[in-house]
C-alpha atoms as a PDB file:
ATOM      1  CA  MET A   1       0.000   0.000   0.000  1.00  0.00           C
ATOM      2  CA  LYS A   2       2.926   2.391   0.668  1.00  0.00           C
ATOM      3  CA  ASN A   3       3.912   2.512  -3.018  1.00  0.00           C
ATOM      4  CA  PHE A   4       0.353   3.244  -4.074  1.00  0.00           C
ATOM      5  CA  ILE A   5       0.059   6.120  -1.570  1.00  0.00           C
ATOM      6  CA  LYS A   6       3.422   7.536  -2.716  1.00  0.00           C
ATOM      7  CA  VAL A   7       2.255   7.654  -6.336  1.00  0.00           C
ATOM      8  CA  MET A   8      -1.113   9.165  -5.434  1.00  0.00           C
ATOM      9  CA  LYS A   9       0.501  11.833  -3.234  1.00  0.00           C
ATOM     10  CA  ALA A  10       2.945  12.685  -6.011  1.00  0.00           C
ATOM     11  CA  LEU A  11       0.024  13.260  -8.371  1.00  0.00           C
ATOM     12  CA  SER A  12      -1.943  15.340  -5.875  1.00  0.00           C
ATOM     13  CA  ASP A  13      -0.185  18.587  -6.814  1.00  0.00           C
ATOM     14  CA  PRO A  14      -1.028  20.419 -10.069  1.00  0.00           C
ATOM     15  CA  ASN A  15       2.594  21.433 -10.715  1.00  0.00           C
ATOM     16  CA  ARG A  16       3.782  17.833 -10.416  1.00  0.00           C
ATOM     17  CA  VAL A  17       1.120  16.705 -12.884  1.00  0.00           C
ATOM     18  CA  LYS A  18       2.168  19.513 -15.256  1.00  0.00           C
ATOM     19  CA  ILE A  19       5.789  18.378 -14.987  1.00  0.00           C
ATOM     20  CA  LEU A  20       4.750  14.877 -16.056  1.00  0.00           C
ATOM     21  CA  LYS A  21       2.797  16.278 -19.001  1.00  0.00           C
ATOM     22  CA  LEU A  22       5.825  18.355 -20.052  1.00  0.00           C
ATOM     23  CA  LEU A  23       8.145  15.365 -19.743  1.00  0.00           C
ATOM     24  CA  GLN A  24       5.836  13.438 -22.065  1.00  0.00           C
ATOM     25  CA  GLN A  25       7.006  15.857 -24.747  1.00  0.00           C
ATOM     26  CA  LYS A  26      10.756  15.596 -24.195  1.00  0.00           C
ATOM     27  CA  THR A  27      13.537  15.141 -21.659  1.00  0.00           C
ATOM     28  CA  MET A  28      14.095  18.397 -19.774  1.00  0.00           C
ATOM     29  CA  CYS A  29      16.369  20.007 -17.206  1.00  0.00           C
ATOM     30  CA  VAL A  30      15.200  21.955 -14.152  1.00  0.00           C
ATOM     31  CA  CYS A  31      15.726  25.296 -15.942  1.00  0.00           C
ATOM     32  CA  GLU A  32      13.428  24.269 -18.794  1.00  0.00           C
ATOM     33  CA  LEU A  33      10.714  23.090 -16.423  1.00  0.00           C
ATOM     34  CA  GLN A  34      11.087  26.246 -14.366  1.00  0.00           C
ATOM     35  CA  GLY A  35      10.787  28.382 -17.503  1.00  0.00           C
ATOM     36  CA  ALA A  36       7.673  26.561 -18.684  1.00  0.00           C
ATOM     37  CA  LEU A  37       5.907  26.547 -15.319  1.00  0.00           C
ATOM     38  CA  GLN A  38       7.103  29.950 -14.094  1.00  0.00           C
ATOM     39  CA  ILE A  39       7.803  28.653 -10.592  1.00  0.00           C
ATOM     40  CA  SER A  40      10.983  28.781  -8.518  1.00  0.00           C
ATOM     41  CA  GLN A  41      13.905  26.428  -9.016  1.00  0.00           C
ATOM     42  CA  PRO A  42      13.576  24.972  -5.483  1.00  0.00           C
ATOM     43  CA  SER A  43       9.887  24.244  -6.158  1.00  0.00           C
ATOM     44  CA  VAL A  44      10.719  22.413  -9.392  1.00  0.00           C
ATOM     45  CA  SER A  45      13.527  20.457  -7.723  1.00  0.00           C
ATOM     46  CA  LYS A  46      11.325  19.461  -4.791  1.00  0.00           C
ATOM     47  CA  ALA A  47       8.549  18.352  -7.149  1.00  0.00           C
ATOM     48  CA  LEU A  48      10.986  16.302  -9.222  1.00  0.00           C
ATOM     49  CA  LYS A  49      12.338  14.621  -6.093  1.00  0.00           C
ATOM     50  CA  MET A  50       8.847  13.587  -5.030  1.00  0.00           C
ATOM     51  CA  LEU A  51       8.031  12.315  -8.535  1.00  0.00           C
ATOM     52  CA  GLU A  52      11.297  10.380  -8.581  1.00  0.00           C
ATOM     53  CA  GLU A  53      10.611   8.772  -5.191  1.00  0.00           C
ATOM     54  CA  ALA A  54       7.193   7.689  -6.464  1.00  0.00           C
ATOM     55  CA  GLY A  55       8.785   5.997  -9.490  1.00  0.00           C
ATOM     56  CA  LEU A  56       7.256   8.431 -11.982  1.00  0.00           C
ATOM     57  CA  VAL A  57      10.395  10.293 -13.070  1.00  0.00           C
ATOM     58  CA  ASP A  58      14.015   9.356 -13.539  1.00  0.00           C
ATOM     59  CA  TYR A  59      17.109  11.341 -14.467  1.00  0.00           C
ATOM     60  CA  LYS A  60      20.441  11.030 -16.167  1.00  0.00           C
ATOM     61  CA  LYS A  61      23.480  13.219 -15.590  1.00  0.00           C
ATOM     62  CA  GLU A  62      25.214  14.327 -18.768  1.00  0.00           C
ATOM     63  CA  GLY A  63      28.163  16.570 -18.009  1.00  0.00           C
ATOM     64  CA  LEU A  64      26.792  19.653 -16.266  1.00  0.00           C
ATOM     65  CA  TRP A  65      23.213  18.754 -17.146  1.00  0.00           C
ATOM     66  CA  VAL A  66      20.743  16.681 -15.173  1.00  0.00           C
ATOM     67  CA  ASN A  67      18.083  15.559 -17.624  1.00  0.00           C
ATOM     68  CA  TYR A  68      14.718  14.379 -16.329  1.00  0.00           C
ATOM     69  CA  TYR A  69      12.401  12.022 -18.164  1.00  0.00           C
ATOM     70  CA  LEU A  70       9.417   9.804 -17.454  1.00  0.00           C
ATOM     71  CA  ALA A  71      10.328   6.584 -15.691  1.00  0.00           C
ATOM     72  CA  ASP A  72       9.680   3.254 -17.370  1.00  0.00           C
ATOM     73  CA  GLY A  73       7.387   2.165 -14.533  1.00  0.00           C
ATOM     74  CA  LYS A  74       9.432  -0.931 -13.655  1.00  0.00           C
ATOM     75  CA  THR A  75       9.746   0.035  -9.990  1.00  0.00           C
ATOM     76  CA  SER A  76       6.011   0.402  -9.399  1.00  0.00           C
ATOM     77  CA  PRO A  77       2.981  -1.040 -11.176  1.00  0.00           C
ATOM     78  CA  TYR A  78       0.975   1.948  -9.887  1.00  0.00           C
ATOM     79  CA  ALA A  79       3.398   4.407 -11.458  1.00  0.00           C
ATOM     80  CA  ALA A  80       3.383   2.445 -14.717  1.00  0.00           C
ATOM     81  CA  SER A  81      -0.396   2.376 -14.865  1.00  0.00           C
ATOM     82  CA  LEU A  82      -0.817   6.063 -14.118  1.00  0.00           C
ATOM     83  CA  LEU A  83       1.919   7.126 -16.527  1.00  0.00           C
ATOM     84  CA  GLY A  84       0.232   5.078 -19.240  1.00  0.00           C
ATOM     85  CA  ASN A  85      -3.146   6.639 -18.574  1.00  0.00           C
ATOM     86  CA  LEU A  86      -1.782  10.154 -18.154  1.00  0.00           C
ATOM     87  CA  LYS A  87      -0.658  10.060 -21.794  1.00  0.00           C
ATOM     88  CA  HIS A  88      -4.336  10.281 -22.723  1.00  0.00           C
ATOM     89  CA  TRP A  89      -5.525  12.575 -19.969  1.00  0.00           C
ATOM     90  CA  LEU A  90      -5.581  16.370 -19.660  1.00  0.00           C
ATOM     91  CA  ASP A  91      -4.486  17.218 -23.213  1.00  0.00           C
ATOM     92  CA  ASP A  92      -7.727  19.153 -23.633  1.00  0.00           C
ATOM     93  CA  ASP A  93      -7.107  21.164 -20.448  1.00  0.00           C
ATOM     94  CA  PRO A  94      -6.342  24.775 -21.495  1.00  0.00           C
ATOM     95  CA  GLU A  95      -3.484  25.169 -19.008  1.00  0.00           C
ATOM     96  CA  VAL A  96      -1.836  21.894 -19.980  1.00  0.00           C
ATOM     97  CA  SER A  97      -2.250  22.480 -23.719  1.00  0.00           C
ATOM     98  CA  GLY A  98      -0.749  25.961 -23.274  1.00  0.00           C
ATOM     99  CA  LEU A  99       2.293  24.465 -21.561  1.00  0.00           C
ATOM    100  CA  ILE A 100       2.716  21.838 -24.247  1.00  0.00           C
ATOM    101  CA  LYS A 101       2.689  24.560 -26.913  1.00  0.00           C
ATOM    102  CA  LYS A 102       5.611  26.268 -25.116  1.00  0.00           C
ATOM    103  CA  VAL A 103       7.876  23.200 -25.260  1.00  0.00           C
ATOM    104  CA  PRO A 104       9.362  23.773 -28.748  1.00  0.00           C
ATOM    105  CA  PHE A 105      10.322  27.324 -27.751  1.00  0.00           C
ATOM    106  CA  LEU A 106      12.142  26.445 -24.521  1.00  0.00           C
ATOM    107  CA  ASN A 107      15.793  27.229 -25.123  1.00  0.00           C
ATOM    108  CA  ARG A 108      17.918  25.482 -22.510  1.00  0.00           C
ATOM    109  CA  ALA A 109      20.971  27.701 -23.004  1.00  0.00           C
ATOM    110  CA  GLU A 110      18.898  30.864 -22.670  1.00  0.00           C
ATOM    111  CA  LEU A 111      16.927  29.637 -19.666  1.00  0.00           C
ATOM    112  CA  CYS A 112      20.048  28.463 -17.848  1.00  0.00           C
ATOM    113  CA  ASN A 113      21.975  31.660 -18.669  1.00  0.00           C
ATOM    114  CA  LEU A 114      24.694  29.956 -20.684  1.00  0.00           C
END
């Protein structure tokens, strides 16, 4: 039951759900997610940590970058099920569709001041 509760708690925050919807589009760093969501870096990092602990998100370090992506769901059947369903949910939500439209215009170098 603990794993189920972890996944449900992770999905109980709108910003965490938006992060998952953004990561459906492409792998992103904290700066890109922060730029899309217009929330603070610590808020994005905290949300990503909670999503990671629930088995919904994973990351890979590449040089200076930490790239986040949707997990494969192998660590939790609850995470796998919800990630699969989330692909088909909320695309018609105006806020989510607005975020998804921003994705092609997120410039990592600009957002991270490089």
